[in-house]
Structures are given as C-alpha cells and as structure tokens.
Amino acid sequence: MRFDLGGFDAVLLDMDGTLVDTESLWIEAVLGVAAELGADPLDQAQVIGGTVAGIVAVVGAATGGRHAAADLERWIDQAVKRKVAEVGVRLRPGARRLLDDLIAAGMPCALVTSSGRADTEIILDVLGRAAFAHTVTADDVPRHKPDPLPYATAAALLGVDPARCVAIEDSLAGLAAAEAAGCATVAVPHLQDIPDASRRTVLTSLELVSVTPVKVTQ
C-alpha cells in the first residue's frame, strides 16, 4: 500500500526516528549513561519520542535523584554527540527522496521535533533546509509531544488548518500529539509497534509515501 500526500494542504514531519536514524543513538546513549550511574534497568519505551527534559527526568528517577538535572543533561548530550561522531547521521530509507519530492511539488512543510534547537540545526545541515518553511523544536514551545501544541504551532505558522495537514511520525508520543492537534497521520514504525487508528495510516517505510502535486484550476 502506498500513501499520497497530494490531497493535503501541508505536511508536518517528525525528525528523530522518522527522517534520521538518531532515535536509536539517543537510546543507546541514554541507557549507557544510566548504566554508568548505577541506575535500575530502563525501559527504552520511556525515552522514545521524548524531550531532553523528559529523558533527564526518567534517568534522574532511575538513579534515585542523586545527580543534578543539569549534570545529567550534559552527560547525555556528550554521550549522544560521541555516538553521532562514531556513526554519523543516517537518513531513514526514503527520507531523501521524500524531501526532494516535497520541494519539487511545492508542498508547504514544517519540521516538528522534540529535539532542542541546537541539535536540530546539526541535523538540518544533513537534511537540508529547503523543504521546511518552518521548524518547531523543543525550545520553541512550552509543552511537548504528546501534547498537541508543537503540531498546532507548526500548522499555525504555515497558515493551514490542522485538519488539512498530515503528520508523519515514528513514535506513539508523536502520533498522539499530531492527532490531538487534529492532523491526519502517517506512522512509519521504527523502534515501537504502532497500531492502526482513526485517520492514521501505518506504513513500513517512507519509500511508500508519494507526493502528487495538486493541480490548480486556472
């Protein structure tokens, strides 16, 4: 089954785990830091799709609150940067072609991520910025996925009704956020199983997503 984005007015794209394979690097880094600090084993589901602040809170609880949040954030950030330096930023299958097709079709598009602005800018150096009219990061909104605010903000920046937007996500938290904002969703599972739901299409790869330009009547 394929899914065509041409019937929507705008596309909202998650970043980690959807366009780039950084979600697994985050998890490896977080679990590594937690283990080094003597934490109880973490369930990786607790950190998939989460913000840095949320992940720090999980690690802090697992280590009994023995470390300051600022220290945990710094250690995790350093661990993630080491992982990225080791393996580089890898695009998910079909991501480059999808971004190129969005540009060619002139489809309004925004990036909606739980990563902070600094980390997002690093990834944008790899993805390119041409496809994205706007980017909404964890630093740009006071509430984060699964709250709908990031997706509602992206739709507002594009000047499009959320009901006319489709969001592409890999995590349950991200899907919950987009769907609560009123968007249709395409789920491309990566590290979590994603069930079917109303106005949600579950695909195995971004390679199954196409962009047919909408013909404008003169």
N, C-alpha and C. Protein backbone atom coordinates (compact mmCIF):
# COMPACT_ATOMS: atom_id res chain seq x y z
N MET A 1 0.84 -1.19 0.00
CA MET A 1 0.00 0.00 0.00
C MET A 1 0.88 1.24 0.00
N ARG A 2 0.51 2.22 -0.81
CA ARG A 2 1.20 3.49 -0.86
C ARG A 2 0.29 4.58 -0.29
N PHE A 3 0.88 5.68 0.09
CA PHE A 3 0.11 6.81 0.62
C PHE A 3 0.57 8.06 -0.08
N ASP A 4 -0.39 8.80 -0.67
CA ASP A 4 -0.04 10.02 -1.40
C ASP A 4 -0.41 11.25 -0.57
N LEU A 5 0.52 12.19 -0.48
CA LEU A 5 0.33 13.39 0.32
C LEU A 5 -0.35 14.52 -0.44
N GLY A 6 -0.59 14.29 -1.72
CA GLY A 6 -1.09 15.37 -2.57
C GLY A 6 -2.45 15.91 -2.20
N GLY A 7 -3.24 15.16 -1.46
CA GLY A 7 -4.58 15.63 -1.11
C GLY A 7 -4.61 16.55 0.10
N PHE A 8 -3.45 16.82 0.70
CA PHE A 8 -3.39 17.67 1.89
C PHE A 8 -2.81 19.04 1.54
N ASP A 9 -3.02 19.99 2.44
CA ASP A 9 -2.52 21.35 2.21
C ASP A 9 -1.12 21.55 2.76
N ALA A 10 -0.68 20.69 3.68
CA ALA A 10 0.66 20.83 4.27
C ALA A 10 1.08 19.50 4.89
N VAL A 11 2.39 19.34 5.01
CA VAL A 11 2.97 18.13 5.60
C VAL A 11 3.82 18.55 6.80
N LEU A 12 3.64 17.85 7.91
CA LEU A 12 4.39 18.11 9.14
C LEU A 12 5.22 16.87 9.45
N LEU A 13 6.52 17.04 9.53
CA LEU A 13 7.43 15.91 9.64
C LEU A 13 8.17 15.87 10.97
N ASP A 14 8.11 14.74 11.63
CA ASP A 14 8.97 14.48 12.78
C ASP A 14 10.40 14.28 12.27
N MET A 15 11.38 14.38 13.17
CA MET A 15 12.78 14.27 12.76
C MET A 15 13.42 12.96 13.22
N ASP A 16 13.67 12.85 14.53
CA ASP A 16 14.40 11.69 15.06
C ASP A 16 13.56 10.41 14.92
N GLY A 17 14.14 9.43 14.24
CA GLY A 17 13.45 8.16 14.05
C GLY A 17 12.58 8.12 12.81
N THR A 18 12.19 9.30 12.32
CA THR A 18 11.35 9.37 11.13
C THR A 18 12.19 9.71 9.90
N LEU A 19 12.89 10.84 9.93
CA LEU A 19 13.75 11.23 8.82
C LEU A 19 15.18 10.76 9.00
N VAL A 20 15.63 10.73 10.24
CA VAL A 20 17.02 10.31 10.52
C VAL A 20 17.02 9.24 11.60
N ASP A 21 18.01 8.35 11.52
CA ASP A 21 18.10 7.23 12.46
C ASP A 21 18.90 7.66 13.69
N THR A 22 18.43 8.73 14.35
CA THR A 22 19.10 9.20 15.55
C THR A 22 18.42 8.70 16.82
N GLU A 23 17.17 8.24 16.70
CA GLU A 23 16.45 7.76 17.88
C GLU A 23 17.22 6.63 18.55
N SER A 24 17.74 5.71 17.74
CA SER A 24 18.47 4.58 18.32
C SER A 24 19.77 5.05 18.98
N LEU A 25 20.41 6.10 18.42
CA LEU A 25 21.62 6.64 19.02
C LEU A 25 21.31 7.28 20.38
N TRP A 26 20.19 8.00 20.43
CA TRP A 26 19.75 8.59 21.70
C TRP A 26 19.54 7.51 22.75
N ILE A 27 18.84 6.46 22.36
CA ILE A 27 18.54 5.40 23.32
C ILE A 27 19.81 4.74 23.83
N GLU A 28 20.73 4.43 22.90
CA GLU A 28 21.99 3.81 23.31
C GLU A 28 22.76 4.73 24.26
N ALA A 29 22.77 6.02 23.95
CA ALA A 29 23.50 6.97 24.79
C ALA A 29 22.85 7.08 26.17
N VAL A 30 21.54 7.20 26.21
CA VAL A 30 20.83 7.35 27.48
C VAL A 30 20.98 6.10 28.34
N LEU A 31 20.80 4.94 27.75
CA LEU A 31 20.93 3.70 28.51
C LEU A 31 22.36 3.54 29.02
N GLY A 32 23.33 3.97 28.20
CA GLY A 32 24.72 3.88 28.61
C GLY A 32 25.02 4.77 29.80
N VAL A 33 24.54 6.02 29.75
CA VAL A 33 24.75 6.94 30.86
C VAL A 33 24.07 6.42 32.12
N ALA A 34 22.84 5.95 31.97
CA ALA A 34 22.11 5.44 33.12
C ALA A 34 22.84 4.26 33.76
N ALA A 35 23.35 3.36 32.92
CA ALA A 35 24.07 2.20 33.45
C ALA A 35 25.34 2.62 34.18
N GLU A 36 26.06 3.59 33.61
CA GLU A 36 27.29 4.07 34.25
C GLU A 36 27.01 4.69 35.62
N LEU A 37 25.82 5.24 35.79
CA LEU A 37 25.46 5.87 37.05
C LEU A 37 24.79 4.90 38.02
N GLY A 38 24.74 3.62 37.62
CA GLY A 38 24.18 2.60 38.51
C GLY A 38 22.68 2.58 38.57
N ALA A 39 22.02 3.06 37.52
CA ALA A 39 20.56 3.10 37.51
C ALA A 39 19.97 1.71 37.36
N ASP A 40 18.75 1.57 37.83
CA ASP A 40 17.99 0.37 37.53
C ASP A 40 17.78 0.31 36.02
N PRO A 41 17.66 -0.90 35.45
CA PRO A 41 17.45 -1.01 34.00
C PRO A 41 16.25 -0.17 33.54
N LEU A 42 16.46 0.58 32.47
CA LEU A 42 15.40 1.43 31.93
C LEU A 42 14.65 0.71 30.82
N ASP A 43 13.36 0.97 30.73
CA ASP A 43 12.56 0.53 29.59
C ASP A 43 12.74 1.57 28.50
N GLN A 44 13.27 1.18 27.33
CA GLN A 44 13.53 2.17 26.29
C GLN A 44 12.26 2.88 25.83
N ALA A 45 11.10 2.28 26.06
CA ALA A 45 9.86 2.94 25.69
C ALA A 45 9.67 4.25 26.45
N GLN A 46 10.34 4.39 27.60
CA GLN A 46 10.23 5.61 28.40
C GLN A 46 10.94 6.80 27.76
N VAL A 47 11.84 6.54 26.83
CA VAL A 47 12.62 7.64 26.25
C VAL A 47 12.38 7.84 24.76
N ILE A 48 11.64 6.94 24.12
CA ILE A 48 11.36 7.09 22.69
C ILE A 48 10.39 8.26 22.48
N GLY A 49 10.79 9.19 21.62
CA GLY A 49 9.92 10.32 21.29
C GLY A 49 9.87 11.39 22.35
N GLY A 50 10.70 11.27 23.39
CA GLY A 50 10.65 12.23 24.47
C GLY A 50 11.57 13.42 24.27
N THR A 51 11.35 14.47 25.06
CA THR A 51 12.22 15.63 25.05
C THR A 51 13.43 15.35 25.93
N VAL A 52 14.44 16.21 25.80
CA VAL A 52 15.62 16.07 26.65
C VAL A 52 15.23 16.18 28.12
N ALA A 53 14.37 17.15 28.45
CA ALA A 53 13.96 17.32 29.84
C ALA A 53 13.24 16.08 30.36
N GLY A 54 12.40 15.49 29.52
CA GLY A 54 11.69 14.29 29.93
C GLY A 54 12.62 13.11 30.14
N ILE A 55 13.60 12.97 29.24
CA ILE A 55 14.57 11.88 29.35
C ILE A 55 15.43 12.07 30.60
N VAL A 56 15.85 13.29 30.86
CA VAL A 56 16.64 13.58 32.06
C VAL A 56 15.84 13.22 33.31
N ALA A 57 14.55 13.52 33.31
CA ALA A 57 13.71 13.18 34.45
C ALA A 57 13.64 11.68 34.67
N VAL A 58 13.54 10.91 33.58
CA VAL A 58 13.49 9.46 33.68
C VAL A 58 14.79 8.92 34.27
N VAL A 59 15.93 9.40 33.73
CA VAL A 59 17.23 8.94 34.23
C VAL A 59 17.43 9.38 35.68
N GLY A 60 17.00 10.61 35.99
CA GLY A 60 17.12 11.10 37.35
C GLY A 60 16.37 10.23 38.35
N ALA A 61 15.15 9.84 37.97
CA ALA A 61 14.36 8.98 38.85
C ALA A 61 15.01 7.61 39.00
N ALA A 62 15.56 7.09 37.89
CA ALA A 62 16.17 5.76 37.92
C ALA A 62 17.45 5.73 38.74
N THR A 63 18.07 6.89 38.91
CA THR A 63 19.31 6.97 39.70
C THR A 63 19.05 7.53 41.10
N GLY A 64 17.78 7.58 41.47
CA GLY A 64 17.44 7.97 42.83
C GLY A 64 17.63 9.43 43.15
N GLY A 65 17.65 10.28 42.11
CA GLY A 65 17.79 11.71 42.34
C GLY A 65 19.13 12.13 42.89
N ARG A 66 20.16 11.31 42.66
CA ARG A 66 21.48 11.60 43.23
C ARG A 66 22.27 12.63 42.41
N HIS A 67 21.77 12.97 41.20
CA HIS A 67 22.53 13.86 40.33
C HIS A 67 21.66 15.03 39.89
N ALA A 68 22.25 16.18 39.76
CA ALA A 68 21.52 17.36 39.31
C ALA A 68 21.08 17.18 37.86
N ALA A 69 19.91 17.73 37.54
CA ALA A 69 19.38 17.61 36.19
C ALA A 69 20.34 18.20 35.17
N ALA A 70 20.99 19.31 35.51
CA ALA A 70 21.93 19.94 34.57
C ALA A 70 23.10 19.02 34.26
N ASP A 71 23.58 18.29 35.27
CA ASP A 71 24.68 17.34 35.05
C ASP A 71 24.23 16.19 34.17
N LEU A 72 23.05 15.66 34.46
CA LEU A 72 22.53 14.56 33.64
C LEU A 72 22.36 14.99 32.20
N GLU A 73 21.82 16.18 31.98
CA GLU A 73 21.63 16.67 30.61
C GLU A 73 22.97 16.80 29.90
N ARG A 74 23.98 17.32 30.60
CA ARG A 74 25.30 17.47 29.99
C ARG A 74 25.90 16.12 29.64
N TRP A 75 25.81 15.14 30.54
CA TRP A 75 26.38 13.82 30.29
C TRP A 75 25.68 13.11 29.13
N ILE A 76 24.37 13.25 29.08
CA ILE A 76 23.61 12.62 28.00
C ILE A 76 23.95 13.29 26.67
N ASP A 77 24.01 14.62 26.66
CA ASP A 77 24.37 15.36 25.45
C ASP A 77 25.75 14.95 24.94
N GLN A 78 26.69 14.80 25.84
CA GLN A 78 28.04 14.38 25.45
C GLN A 78 28.02 12.97 24.88
N ALA A 79 27.24 12.09 25.50
CA ALA A 79 27.17 10.71 25.03
C ALA A 79 26.53 10.63 23.65
N VAL A 80 25.49 11.43 23.41
CA VAL A 80 24.84 11.45 22.11
C VAL A 80 25.81 11.96 21.04
N LYS A 81 26.52 13.03 21.35
CA LYS A 81 27.47 13.60 20.39
C LYS A 81 28.56 12.59 20.05
N ARG A 82 29.00 11.80 21.04
CA ARG A 82 30.01 10.76 20.75
C ARG A 82 29.43 9.71 19.81
N LYS A 83 28.18 9.33 20.04
CA LYS A 83 27.54 8.33 19.18
C LYS A 83 27.41 8.86 17.75
N VAL A 84 26.99 10.11 17.61
CA VAL A 84 26.84 10.70 16.27
C VAL A 84 28.18 10.79 15.57
N ALA A 85 29.23 11.15 16.33
CA ALA A 85 30.57 11.23 15.75
C ALA A 85 31.06 9.87 15.29
N GLU A 86 30.67 8.82 16.01
CA GLU A 86 31.11 7.46 15.67
C GLU A 86 30.47 6.96 14.38
N VAL A 87 29.17 7.17 14.24
CA VAL A 87 28.44 6.54 13.12
C VAL A 87 27.90 7.54 12.11
N GLY A 88 27.87 8.83 12.47
CA GLY A 88 27.31 9.82 11.56
C GLY A 88 25.79 9.85 11.64
N VAL A 89 25.20 10.79 10.91
CA VAL A 89 23.74 10.92 10.85
C VAL A 89 23.24 10.15 9.65
N ARG A 90 22.49 9.11 9.91
CA ARG A 90 21.98 8.26 8.83
C ARG A 90 20.52 8.57 8.56
N LEU A 91 20.20 8.79 7.28
CA LEU A 91 18.81 9.03 6.92
C LEU A 91 18.03 7.73 6.89
N ARG A 92 16.76 7.82 7.26
CA ARG A 92 15.88 6.66 7.17
C ARG A 92 15.59 6.38 5.69
N PRO A 93 15.34 5.12 5.33
CA PRO A 93 15.06 4.78 3.93
C PRO A 93 13.91 5.62 3.37
N GLY A 94 14.15 6.22 2.24
CA GLY A 94 13.13 7.01 1.57
C GLY A 94 13.08 8.46 1.98
N ALA A 95 13.85 8.85 3.02
CA ALA A 95 13.76 10.22 3.52
C ALA A 95 14.24 11.25 2.50
N ARG A 96 15.39 11.01 1.88
CA ARG A 96 15.93 11.97 0.93
C ARG A 96 15.00 12.15 -0.26
N ARG A 97 14.50 11.05 -0.79
CA ARG A 97 13.59 11.12 -1.94
C ARG A 97 12.31 11.85 -1.56
N LEU A 98 11.78 11.60 -0.36
CA LEU A 98 10.56 12.27 0.07
C LEU A 98 10.77 13.78 0.17
N LEU A 99 11.87 14.21 0.78
CA LEU A 99 12.14 15.64 0.90
C LEU A 99 12.30 16.29 -0.48
N ASP A 100 12.99 15.60 -1.38
CA ASP A 100 13.15 16.12 -2.75
C ASP A 100 11.79 16.25 -3.43
N ASP A 101 10.92 15.27 -3.23
CA ASP A 101 9.59 15.30 -3.85
C ASP A 101 8.73 16.43 -3.26
N LEU A 102 8.85 16.66 -1.96
CA LEU A 102 8.10 17.75 -1.33
C LEU A 102 8.53 19.10 -1.91
N ILE A 103 9.82 19.26 -2.11
CA ILE A 103 10.33 20.50 -2.70
C ILE A 103 9.83 20.66 -4.13
N ALA A 104 9.93 19.57 -4.91
CA ALA A 104 9.52 19.63 -6.31
C ALA A 104 8.02 19.92 -6.45
N ALA A 105 7.23 19.41 -5.51
CA ALA A 105 5.78 19.61 -5.57
C ALA A 105 5.37 20.96 -5.01
N GLY A 106 6.30 21.65 -4.34
CA GLY A 106 5.94 22.93 -3.72
C GLY A 106 5.01 22.76 -2.54
N MET A 107 5.08 21.62 -1.87
CA MET A 107 4.20 21.34 -0.75
C MET A 107 4.69 22.06 0.51
N PRO A 108 3.84 22.88 1.13
CA PRO A 108 4.23 23.51 2.40
C PRO A 108 4.57 22.45 3.45
N CYS A 109 5.67 22.65 4.14
CA CYS A 109 6.16 21.61 5.04
C CYS A 109 6.83 22.24 6.26
N ALA A 110 6.65 21.62 7.42
CA ALA A 110 7.32 22.07 8.64
C ALA A 110 7.92 20.85 9.34
N LEU A 111 9.03 21.08 10.02
CA LEU A 111 9.66 20.06 10.84
C LEU A 111 9.20 20.26 12.27
N VAL A 112 8.75 19.19 12.93
CA VAL A 112 8.22 19.27 14.29
C VAL A 112 8.96 18.22 15.12
N THR A 113 9.86 18.67 16.00
CA THR A 113 10.74 17.75 16.70
C THR A 113 10.80 18.01 18.19
N SER A 114 11.06 16.95 18.95
CA SER A 114 11.25 17.07 20.39
C SER A 114 12.70 17.39 20.74
N SER A 115 13.57 17.43 19.75
CA SER A 115 14.95 17.83 19.98
C SER A 115 15.05 19.34 20.17
N GLY A 116 16.10 19.78 20.83
CA GLY A 116 16.32 21.20 21.01
C GLY A 116 16.81 21.85 19.73
N ARG A 117 16.85 23.19 19.74
CA ARG A 117 17.23 23.93 18.54
C ARG A 117 18.65 23.61 18.09
N ALA A 118 19.59 23.54 19.02
CA ALA A 118 20.99 23.30 18.63
C ALA A 118 21.15 21.95 17.94
N ASP A 119 20.54 20.89 18.51
CA ASP A 119 20.64 19.57 17.89
C ASP A 119 19.91 19.53 16.55
N THR A 120 18.79 20.24 16.47
CA THR A 120 18.03 20.27 15.22
C THR A 120 18.84 20.92 14.10
N GLU A 121 19.54 21.99 14.42
CA GLU A 121 20.34 22.68 13.40
C GLU A 121 21.43 21.76 12.85
N ILE A 122 22.01 20.92 13.71
CA ILE A 122 23.01 19.96 13.24
C ILE A 122 22.40 18.98 12.24
N ILE A 123 21.20 18.48 12.55
CA ILE A 123 20.53 17.54 11.65
C ILE A 123 20.12 18.24 10.35
N LEU A 124 19.69 19.49 10.46
CA LEU A 124 19.30 20.23 9.25
C LEU A 124 20.48 20.44 8.31
N ASP A 125 21.69 20.47 8.85
CA ASP A 125 22.87 20.55 7.99
C ASP A 125 22.97 19.32 7.10
N VAL A 126 22.44 18.20 7.58
CA VAL A 126 22.46 16.94 6.81
C VAL A 126 21.22 16.85 5.91
N LEU A 127 20.06 17.13 6.47
CA LEU A 127 18.82 17.02 5.71
C LEU A 127 18.71 18.09 4.63
N GLY A 128 19.23 19.29 4.92
CA GLY A 128 18.98 20.45 4.09
C GLY A 128 17.75 21.18 4.61
N ARG A 129 17.68 22.46 4.34
CA ARG A 129 16.59 23.29 4.87
C ARG A 129 15.52 23.65 3.84
N ALA A 130 15.77 23.30 2.59
CA ALA A 130 14.90 23.78 1.51
C ALA A 130 13.47 23.29 1.63
N ALA A 131 13.27 22.10 2.20
CA ALA A 131 11.92 21.54 2.26
C ALA A 131 11.06 22.19 3.35
N PHE A 132 11.71 22.83 4.33
CA PHE A 132 10.99 23.25 5.53
C PHE A 132 10.78 24.76 5.57
N ALA A 133 9.52 25.15 5.52
CA ALA A 133 9.19 26.57 5.68
C ALA A 133 9.39 27.00 7.13
N HIS A 134 9.18 26.08 8.06
CA HIS A 134 9.32 26.37 9.49
C HIS A 134 9.84 25.13 10.21
N THR A 135 10.49 25.35 11.34
CA THR A 135 10.87 24.25 12.23
C THR A 135 10.40 24.59 13.63
N VAL A 136 9.78 23.61 14.28
CA VAL A 136 9.31 23.77 15.66
C VAL A 136 10.08 22.77 16.51
N THR A 137 10.92 23.28 17.41
CA THR A 137 11.74 22.43 18.26
C THR A 137 11.24 22.49 19.70
N ALA A 138 11.88 21.70 20.56
CA ALA A 138 11.50 21.70 21.98
C ALA A 138 11.75 23.05 22.63
N ASP A 139 12.64 23.85 22.05
CA ASP A 139 12.94 25.17 22.60
C ASP A 139 11.91 26.22 22.20
N ASP A 140 11.04 25.88 21.26
CA ASP A 140 10.13 26.88 20.70
C ASP A 140 8.74 26.85 21.32
N VAL A 141 8.43 25.82 22.09
CA VAL A 141 7.10 25.68 22.69
C VAL A 141 7.24 25.25 24.15
N PRO A 142 6.31 25.68 25.01
CA PRO A 142 6.41 25.32 26.44
C PRO A 142 5.93 23.91 26.76
N ARG A 143 5.17 23.32 25.85
CA ARG A 143 4.69 21.94 26.07
C ARG A 143 5.08 21.09 24.87
N HIS A 144 5.34 19.83 25.10
CA HIS A 144 5.94 18.98 24.08
C HIS A 144 5.13 17.72 23.85
N LYS A 145 5.46 16.99 22.79
CA LYS A 145 4.78 15.74 22.49
C LYS A 145 4.78 14.85 23.74
N PRO A 146 3.66 14.24 24.09
CA PRO A 146 2.42 14.04 23.33
C PRO A 146 1.40 15.17 23.39
N ASP A 147 1.76 16.32 23.96
CA ASP A 147 0.86 17.47 23.92
C ASP A 147 0.72 17.93 22.46
N PRO A 148 -0.47 18.38 22.07
CA PRO A 148 -0.67 18.79 20.66
C PRO A 148 -0.03 20.11 20.28
N LEU A 149 0.47 20.88 21.27
CA LEU A 149 0.95 22.23 20.97
C LEU A 149 2.01 22.30 19.86
N PRO A 150 3.03 21.40 19.82
CA PRO A 150 4.02 21.52 18.74
C PRO A 150 3.40 21.43 17.35
N TYR A 151 2.46 20.52 17.17
CA TYR A 151 1.83 20.38 15.85
C TYR A 151 0.85 21.51 15.57
N ALA A 152 0.12 21.94 16.57
CA ALA A 152 -0.78 23.08 16.38
C ALA A 152 0.02 24.33 16.02
N THR A 153 1.19 24.49 16.64
CA THR A 153 2.05 25.64 16.35
C THR A 153 2.57 25.59 14.91
N ALA A 154 2.99 24.40 14.47
CA ALA A 154 3.50 24.25 13.11
C ALA A 154 2.42 24.58 12.08
N ALA A 155 1.20 24.08 12.31
CA ALA A 155 0.11 24.36 11.38
C ALA A 155 -0.18 25.85 11.34
N ALA A 156 -0.16 26.50 12.50
CA ALA A 156 -0.42 27.94 12.56
C ALA A 156 0.66 28.72 11.82
N LEU A 157 1.90 28.33 11.97
CA LEU A 157 2.99 29.01 11.27
C LEU A 157 2.84 28.88 9.76
N LEU A 158 2.32 27.75 9.31
CA LEU A 158 2.11 27.54 7.88
C LEU A 158 0.81 28.19 7.40
N GLY A 159 -0.05 28.60 8.34
CA GLY A 159 -1.32 29.19 7.98
C GLY A 159 -2.31 28.18 7.44
N VAL A 160 -2.23 26.95 7.95
CA VAL A 160 -3.07 25.86 7.46
C VAL A 160 -3.87 25.27 8.62
N ASP A 161 -5.12 24.94 8.37
CA ASP A 161 -5.95 24.24 9.35
C ASP A 161 -5.31 22.88 9.65
N PRO A 162 -5.11 22.52 10.93
CA PRO A 162 -4.53 21.20 11.22
C PRO A 162 -5.27 20.05 10.56
N ALA A 163 -6.58 20.20 10.37
CA ALA A 163 -7.36 19.13 9.74
C ALA A 163 -6.96 18.92 8.28
N ARG A 164 -6.28 19.92 7.69
CA ARG A 164 -5.82 19.80 6.31
C ARG A 164 -4.34 19.44 6.25
N CYS A 165 -3.76 19.09 7.41
CA CYS A 165 -2.36 18.69 7.48
C CYS A 165 -2.24 17.19 7.70
N VAL A 166 -1.15 16.62 7.21
CA VAL A 166 -0.82 15.24 7.54
C VAL A 166 0.55 15.25 8.21
N ALA A 167 0.65 14.56 9.35
CA ALA A 167 1.90 14.48 10.09
C ALA A 167 2.49 13.08 9.91
N ILE A 168 3.80 13.03 9.74
CA ILE A 168 4.49 11.75 9.57
C ILE A 168 5.37 11.54 10.79
N GLU A 169 5.16 10.43 11.48
CA GLU A 169 5.78 10.16 12.78
C GLU A 169 6.21 8.71 12.89
N ASP A 170 7.11 8.45 13.85
CA ASP A 170 7.52 7.07 14.12
C ASP A 170 7.19 6.64 15.53
N SER A 171 6.74 7.57 16.41
CA SER A 171 6.54 7.22 17.82
C SER A 171 5.09 7.43 18.24
N LEU A 172 4.70 6.71 19.28
CA LEU A 172 3.35 6.85 19.83
C LEU A 172 3.14 8.24 20.41
N ALA A 173 4.16 8.80 21.06
CA ALA A 173 4.03 10.14 21.63
C ALA A 173 3.80 11.17 20.53
N GLY A 174 4.55 11.06 19.44
CA GLY A 174 4.39 11.99 18.34
C GLY A 174 3.04 11.87 17.67
N LEU A 175 2.59 10.64 17.47
CA LEU A 175 1.28 10.43 16.86
C LEU A 175 0.17 10.98 17.74
N ALA A 176 0.29 10.76 19.05
CA ALA A 176 -0.72 11.29 19.97
C ALA A 176 -0.79 12.81 19.87
N ALA A 177 0.38 13.46 19.76
CA ALA A 177 0.42 14.91 19.65
C ALA A 177 -0.25 15.40 18.37
N ALA A 178 0.13 14.79 17.25
CA ALA A 178 -0.42 15.22 15.96
C ALA A 178 -1.91 14.98 15.87
N GLU A 179 -2.34 13.83 16.34
CA GLU A 179 -3.77 13.50 16.24
C GLU A 179 -4.60 14.37 17.18
N ALA A 180 -4.06 14.70 18.36
CA ALA A 180 -4.78 15.59 19.27
C ALA A 180 -4.89 17.00 18.69
N ALA A 181 -3.92 17.38 17.86
CA ALA A 181 -3.97 18.69 17.20
C ALA A 181 -4.98 18.71 16.06
N GLY A 182 -5.44 17.53 15.63
CA GLY A 182 -6.42 17.44 14.56
C GLY A 182 -5.87 17.00 13.22
N CYS A 183 -4.61 16.59 13.18
CA CYS A 183 -3.98 16.18 11.92
C CYS A 183 -4.29 14.72 11.59
N ALA A 184 -4.33 14.43 10.30
CA ALA A 184 -4.24 13.05 9.85
C ALA A 184 -2.79 12.63 10.04
N THR A 185 -2.54 11.34 10.18
CA THR A 185 -1.17 10.90 10.44
C THR A 185 -0.77 9.71 9.57
N VAL A 186 0.52 9.67 9.30
CA VAL A 186 1.16 8.51 8.69
C VAL A 186 2.21 8.03 9.69
N ALA A 187 2.09 6.79 10.11
CA ALA A 187 3.05 6.21 11.05
C ALA A 187 4.01 5.31 10.29
N VAL A 188 5.30 5.53 10.53
CA VAL A 188 6.33 4.66 9.96
C VAL A 188 7.12 4.11 11.15
N PRO A 189 6.66 2.99 11.72
CA PRO A 189 7.27 2.47 12.96
C PRO A 189 8.76 2.20 12.78
N HIS A 190 9.50 2.50 13.85
CA HIS A 190 10.94 2.27 13.85
C HIS A 190 11.33 1.43 15.06
N LEU A 191 11.13 1.96 16.25
CA LEU A 191 11.51 1.24 17.47
C LEU A 191 10.30 0.89 18.33
N GLN A 192 9.11 1.26 17.89
CA GLN A 192 7.87 0.95 18.59
C GLN A 192 6.87 0.34 17.62
N ASP A 193 6.07 -0.60 18.11
CA ASP A 193 4.94 -1.09 17.33
C ASP A 193 3.85 -0.03 17.35
N ILE A 194 3.25 0.22 16.20
CA ILE A 194 2.21 1.25 16.07
C ILE A 194 0.92 0.59 15.60
N PRO A 195 -0.15 0.68 16.39
CA PRO A 195 -1.43 0.09 15.96
C PRO A 195 -2.16 1.01 14.99
N ASP A 196 -3.12 0.45 14.26
CA ASP A 196 -3.99 1.26 13.42
C ASP A 196 -4.88 2.14 14.29
N ALA A 197 -5.32 3.25 13.75
CA ALA A 197 -6.23 4.15 14.46
C ALA A 197 -6.95 5.01 13.43
N SER A 198 -7.98 5.69 13.89
CA SER A 198 -8.75 6.56 13.01
C SER A 198 -7.86 7.66 12.44
N ARG A 199 -7.96 7.91 11.15
CA ARG A 199 -7.18 8.92 10.41
C ARG A 199 -5.68 8.67 10.50
N ARG A 200 -5.29 7.43 10.76
CA ARG A 200 -3.87 7.05 10.81
C ARG A 200 -3.61 5.95 9.80
N THR A 201 -2.57 6.11 9.01
CA THR A 201 -2.12 5.08 8.08
C THR A 201 -0.76 4.58 8.54
N VAL A 202 -0.62 3.28 8.69
CA VAL A 202 0.65 2.70 9.15
C VAL A 202 1.36 2.08 7.95
N LEU A 203 2.58 2.54 7.68
CA LEU A 203 3.38 2.06 6.57
C LEU A 203 4.68 1.46 7.09
N THR A 204 5.32 0.65 6.29
CA THR A 204 6.57 0.04 6.69
C THR A 204 7.79 0.90 6.37
N SER A 205 7.61 1.91 5.51
CA SER A 205 8.76 2.71 5.09
C SER A 205 8.31 4.03 4.47
N LEU A 206 9.14 5.05 4.58
CA LEU A 206 8.90 6.30 3.87
C LEU A 206 8.92 6.11 2.36
N GLU A 207 9.52 5.03 1.91
CA GLU A 207 9.57 4.76 0.48
C GLU A 207 8.18 4.53 -0.10
N LEU A 208 7.19 4.29 0.76
CA LEU A 208 5.82 4.08 0.31
C LEU A 208 5.00 5.37 0.31
N VAL A 209 5.65 6.50 0.65
CA VAL A 209 4.97 7.79 0.65
C VAL A 209 5.30 8.53 -0.64
N SER A 210 4.29 9.03 -1.32
CA SER A 210 4.50 9.78 -2.56
C SER A 210 3.84 11.15 -2.44
N VAL A 211 4.24 12.03 -3.35
CA VAL A 211 3.74 13.41 -3.33
C VAL A 211 3.29 13.78 -4.74
N THR A 212 2.01 13.74 -4.98
CA THR A 212 1.49 14.15 -6.27
C THR A 212 1.02 15.58 -6.17
N PRO A 213 1.61 16.52 -6.92
CA PRO A 213 1.17 17.92 -6.83
C PRO A 213 -0.29 18.07 -7.15
N VAL A 214 -0.98 18.91 -6.39
CA VAL A 214 -2.39 19.18 -6.64
C VAL A 214 -2.50 20.14 -7.82
N LYS A 215 -3.31 19.79 -8.80
CA LYS A 215 -3.48 20.66 -9.96
C LYS A 215 -4.32 21.89 -9.57
N VAL A 216 -3.82 23.06 -9.93
CA VAL A 216 -4.52 24.30 -9.63
C VAL A 216 -5.36 24.69 -10.84
N THR A 217 -6.66 24.88 -10.63
CA THR A 217 -7.55 25.26 -11.72
C THR A 217 -7.38 26.73 -12.04
N GLN A 218 -7.13 27.03 -13.30
CA GLN A 218 -6.93 28.43 -13.72
C GLN A 218 -8.28 29.13 -13.79
